[in-house]
Amino acid sequence: MIEFMDESSGNLLGVRVSGKLTKAEYDSILLPQLAKLFKAHGQLNILIYMDEAFEGWDLEAAWEDASYGLRHQADIGKLAVVGGPAWVNWGIKLSGFLMKGEIRIFPSDQLADAWRWIST
């Protein structure tokens, strides 16, 4: 499940993810919102909050996530990843060298700190 967080505004986008993400969710929920925001603001600061029920991606969604990230590597100023399993955090650290912006990983109990960081 993908939900946009209430704190989102302007070039700040908070995304809460739960359960197992699918390509259909990317295509119908996340990608249209990202396209709209990139068009309106250019560069975005994004917070991804993986709640305790987050299970990962199906194969098509994982491919969509990786390929979209590569296409927009210069369009993200800051990326905050909050919570999630250790394997996701390691993957983000390993792929971080492909992104032009800053990436920080926060434990799930530091959601407010992550919002402050992407807001500055």
C-alpha atoms as a PDB file:
ATOM      1  CA  MET A   1       0.000   0.000   0.000  1.00  0.00           C
ATOM      2  CA  ILE A   2       1.224   3.492  -0.864  1.00  0.00           C
ATOM      3  CA  GLU A   3      -0.132   6.577   0.939  1.00  0.00           C
ATOM      4  CA  PHE A   4       0.939  10.202   0.766  1.00  0.00           C
ATOM      5  CA  MET A   5       1.590  11.687   4.177  1.00  0.00           C
ATOM      6  CA  ASP A   6      -0.309  14.764   5.376  1.00  0.00           C
ATOM      7  CA  GLU A   7       2.927  16.672   6.029  1.00  0.00           C
ATOM      8  CA  SER A   8       3.669  16.744   2.280  1.00  0.00           C
ATOM      9  CA  SER A   9       3.642  20.197   0.710  1.00  0.00           C
ATOM     10  CA  GLY A  10       5.391  22.039  -2.095  1.00  0.00           C
ATOM     11  CA  ASN A  11       8.538  20.160  -3.057  1.00  0.00           C
ATOM     12  CA  LEU A  12       8.339  17.912   0.054  1.00  0.00           C
ATOM     13  CA  LEU A  13       6.734  14.531  -0.455  1.00  0.00           C
ATOM     14  CA  GLY A  14       6.194  11.987   2.289  1.00  0.00           C
ATOM     15  CA  VAL A  15       5.247   8.472   1.237  1.00  0.00           C
ATOM     16  CA  ARG A  16       4.151   5.767   3.666  1.00  0.00           C
ATOM     17  CA  VAL A  17       4.530   2.226   2.369  1.00  0.00           C
ATOM     18  CA  SER A  18       3.056  -0.900   3.898  1.00  0.00           C
ATOM     19  CA  GLY A  19       2.626  -4.529   2.924  1.00  0.00           C
ATOM     20  CA  LYS A  20       4.022  -5.729  -0.388  1.00  0.00           C
ATOM     21  CA  LEU A  21       4.261  -3.044  -3.088  1.00  0.00           C
ATOM     22  CA  THR A  22       3.125  -3.852  -6.621  1.00  0.00           C
ATOM     23  CA  LYS A  23       3.803  -2.353 -10.034  1.00  0.00           C
ATOM     24  CA  ALA A  24       0.090  -1.504 -10.309  1.00  0.00           C
ATOM     25  CA  GLU A  25       0.414   0.712  -7.218  1.00  0.00           C
ATOM     26  CA  TYR A  26       3.475   2.420  -8.667  1.00  0.00           C
ATOM     27  CA  ASP A  27       1.694   3.022 -11.983  1.00  0.00           C
ATOM     28  CA  SER A  28      -1.615   4.228 -10.557  1.00  0.00           C
ATOM     29  CA  ILE A  29      -0.598   6.003  -7.332  1.00  0.00           C
ATOM     30  CA  LEU A  30       3.068   6.934  -6.976  1.00  0.00           C
ATOM     31  CA  LEU A  31       4.315   7.700 -10.483  1.00  0.00           C
ATOM     32  CA  PRO A  32       1.502  10.127 -11.428  1.00  0.00           C
ATOM     33  CA  GLN A  33       2.066  12.085  -8.204  1.00  0.00           C
ATOM     34  CA  LEU A  34       5.819  12.200  -8.748  1.00  0.00           C
ATOM     35  CA  ALA A  35       5.376  13.363 -12.348  1.00  0.00           C
ATOM     36  CA  LYS A  36       3.032  16.140 -11.220  1.00  0.00           C
ATOM     37  CA  LEU A  37       5.422  17.300  -8.493  1.00  0.00           C
ATOM     38  CA  PHE A  38       8.543  17.131 -10.671  1.00  0.00           C
ATOM     39  CA  LYS A  39       6.748  19.248 -13.268  1.00  0.00           C
ATOM     40  CA  ALA A  40       5.649  21.813 -10.669  1.00  0.00           C
ATOM     41  CA  HIS A  41       8.816  22.006  -8.565  1.00  0.00           C
ATOM     42  CA  GLY A  42      11.716  20.481 -10.480  1.00  0.00           C
ATOM     43  CA  GLN A  43      13.722  18.938  -7.679  1.00  0.00           C
ATOM     44  CA  LEU A  44      11.980  17.172  -4.780  1.00  0.00           C
ATOM     45  CA  ASN A  45      12.868  16.195  -1.227  1.00  0.00           C
ATOM     46  CA  ILE A  46      11.273  12.824  -0.505  1.00  0.00           C
ATOM     47  CA  LEU A  47      10.657  10.928   2.711  1.00  0.00           C
ATOM     48  CA  ILE A  48       9.800   7.238   2.499  1.00  0.00           C
ATOM     49  CA  TYR A  49       8.368   5.763   5.672  1.00  0.00           C
ATOM     50  CA  MET A  50       8.314   1.969   5.728  1.00  0.00           C
ATOM     51  CA  ASP A  51       5.905   1.020   8.483  1.00  0.00           C
ATOM     52  CA  GLU A  52       6.113  -2.156  10.565  1.00  0.00           C
ATOM     53  CA  ALA A  53       3.922  -4.061   8.072  1.00  0.00           C
ATOM     54  CA  PHE A  54       6.210  -3.322   5.090  1.00  0.00           C
ATOM     55  CA  GLU A  55       7.206  -6.545   3.294  1.00  0.00           C
ATOM     56  CA  GLY A  56       9.061  -5.273   0.226  1.00  0.00           C
ATOM     57  CA  TRP A  57       8.285  -5.183  -3.481  1.00  0.00           C
ATOM     58  CA  ASP A  58       7.101  -7.719  -5.992  1.00  0.00           C
ATOM     59  CA  LEU A  59       9.602  -8.202  -8.830  1.00  0.00           C
ATOM     60  CA  GLU A  60       7.909  -5.795 -11.263  1.00  0.00           C
ATOM     61  CA  ALA A  61       7.591  -3.089  -8.613  1.00  0.00           C
ATOM     62  CA  ALA A  62      11.262  -3.488  -7.640  1.00  0.00           C
ATOM     63  CA  TRP A  63      12.269  -3.042 -11.282  1.00  0.00           C
ATOM     64  CA  GLU A  64       9.985  -0.008 -11.640  1.00  0.00           C
ATOM     65  CA  ASP A  65      11.439   1.528  -8.484  1.00  0.00           C
ATOM     66  CA  ALA A  66      15.043   1.036  -9.597  1.00  0.00           C
ATOM     67  CA  SER A  67      14.563   2.201 -13.186  1.00  0.00           C
ATOM     68  CA  TYR A  68      12.520   5.262 -12.177  1.00  0.00           C
ATOM     69  CA  GLY A  69      15.149   6.173  -9.605  1.00  0.00           C
ATOM     70  CA  LEU A  70      17.881   6.009 -12.248  1.00  0.00           C
ATOM     71  CA  ARG A  71      15.914   8.214 -14.632  1.00  0.00           C
ATOM     72  CA  HIS A  72      15.371  10.829 -11.929  1.00  0.00           C
ATOM     73  CA  GLN A  73      18.668  10.588 -10.066  1.00  0.00           C
ATOM     74  CA  ALA A  74      19.328  14.338 -10.447  1.00  0.00           C
ATOM     75  CA  ASP A  75      15.749  15.342  -9.563  1.00  0.00           C
ATOM     76  CA  ILE A  76      15.869  14.341  -5.896  1.00  0.00           C
ATOM     77  CA  GLY A  77      17.623  16.787  -3.601  1.00  0.00           C
ATOM     78  CA  LYS A  78      17.209  14.765  -0.411  1.00  0.00           C
ATOM     79  CA  LEU A  79      15.889  11.280   0.228  1.00  0.00           C
ATOM     80  CA  ALA A  80      15.055  10.237   3.788  1.00  0.00           C
ATOM     81  CA  VAL A  81      14.260   6.575   4.358  1.00  0.00           C
ATOM     82  CA  VAL A  82      12.586   5.844   7.682  1.00  0.00           C
ATOM     83  CA  GLY A  83      12.234   2.363   9.133  1.00  0.00           C
ATOM     84  CA  GLY A  84      12.250  -0.738   7.032  1.00  0.00           C
ATOM     85  CA  PRO A  85      14.211  -3.953   7.268  1.00  0.00           C
ATOM     86  CA  ALA A  86      18.013  -3.989   7.288  1.00  0.00           C
ATOM     87  CA  TRP A  87      18.179  -5.477   3.763  1.00  0.00           C
ATOM     88  CA  VAL A  88      16.378  -2.420   2.351  1.00  0.00           C
ATOM     89  CA  ASN A  89      18.729  -0.039   4.142  1.00  0.00           C
ATOM     90  CA  TRP A  90      21.766  -1.886   2.782  1.00  0.00           C
ATOM     91  CA  GLY A  91      20.319  -1.730  -0.735  1.00  0.00           C
ATOM     92  CA  ILE A  92      19.765   2.004  -0.400  1.00  0.00           C
ATOM     93  CA  LYS A  93      23.317   2.530   0.846  1.00  0.00           C
ATOM     94  CA  LEU A  94      24.732   0.495  -2.044  1.00  0.00           C
ATOM     95  CA  SER A  95      22.693   2.314  -4.683  1.00  0.00           C
ATOM     96  CA  GLY A  96      23.216   5.732  -3.112  1.00  0.00           C
ATOM     97  CA  PHE A  97      26.272   6.427  -5.245  1.00  0.00           C
ATOM     98  CA  LEU A  98      23.986   6.626  -8.298  1.00  0.00           C
ATOM     99  CA  MET A  99      21.963   9.494  -6.867  1.00  0.00           C
ATOM    100  CA  LYS A 100      23.078  13.116  -7.097  1.00  0.00           C
ATOM    101  CA  GLY A 101      21.253  14.231  -3.935  1.00  0.00           C
ATOM    102  CA  GLU A 102      21.735  13.355  -0.288  1.00  0.00           C
ATOM    103  CA  ILE A 103      20.393  10.178   1.290  1.00  0.00           C
ATOM    104  CA  ARG A 104      19.893   9.542   4.984  1.00  0.00           C
ATOM    105  CA  ILE A 105      18.446   6.515   6.728  1.00  0.00           C
ATOM    106  CA  PHE A 106      16.520   6.996   9.971  1.00  0.00           C
ATOM    107  CA  PRO A 107      15.220   4.417  12.462  1.00  0.00           C
ATOM    108  CA  SER A 108      11.428   4.196  12.603  1.00  0.00           C
ATOM    109  CA  ASP A 109      11.276   6.161  15.861  1.00  0.00           C
ATOM    110  CA  GLN A 110      12.950   9.195  14.198  1.00  0.00           C
ATOM    111  CA  LEU A 111      10.215  10.120  11.728  1.00  0.00           C
ATOM    112  CA  ALA A 112      10.024  13.717  13.024  1.00  0.00           C
ATOM    113  CA  ASP A 113      13.808  14.082  12.642  1.00  0.00           C
ATOM    114  CA  ALA A 114      13.579  12.858   9.047  1.00  0.00           C
ATOM    115  CA  TRP A 115      10.886  15.449   8.264  1.00  0.00           C
ATOM    116  CA  ARG A 116      13.061  18.193   9.763  1.00  0.00           C
ATOM    117  CA  TRP A 117      16.044  17.058   7.706  1.00  0.00           C
ATOM    118  CA  ILE A 118      14.255  17.036   4.330  1.00  0.00           C
ATOM    119  CA  SER A 119      12.650  20.394   5.165  1.00  0.00           C
ATOM    120  CA  THR A 120      15.974  22.250   5.479  1.00  0.00           C
END
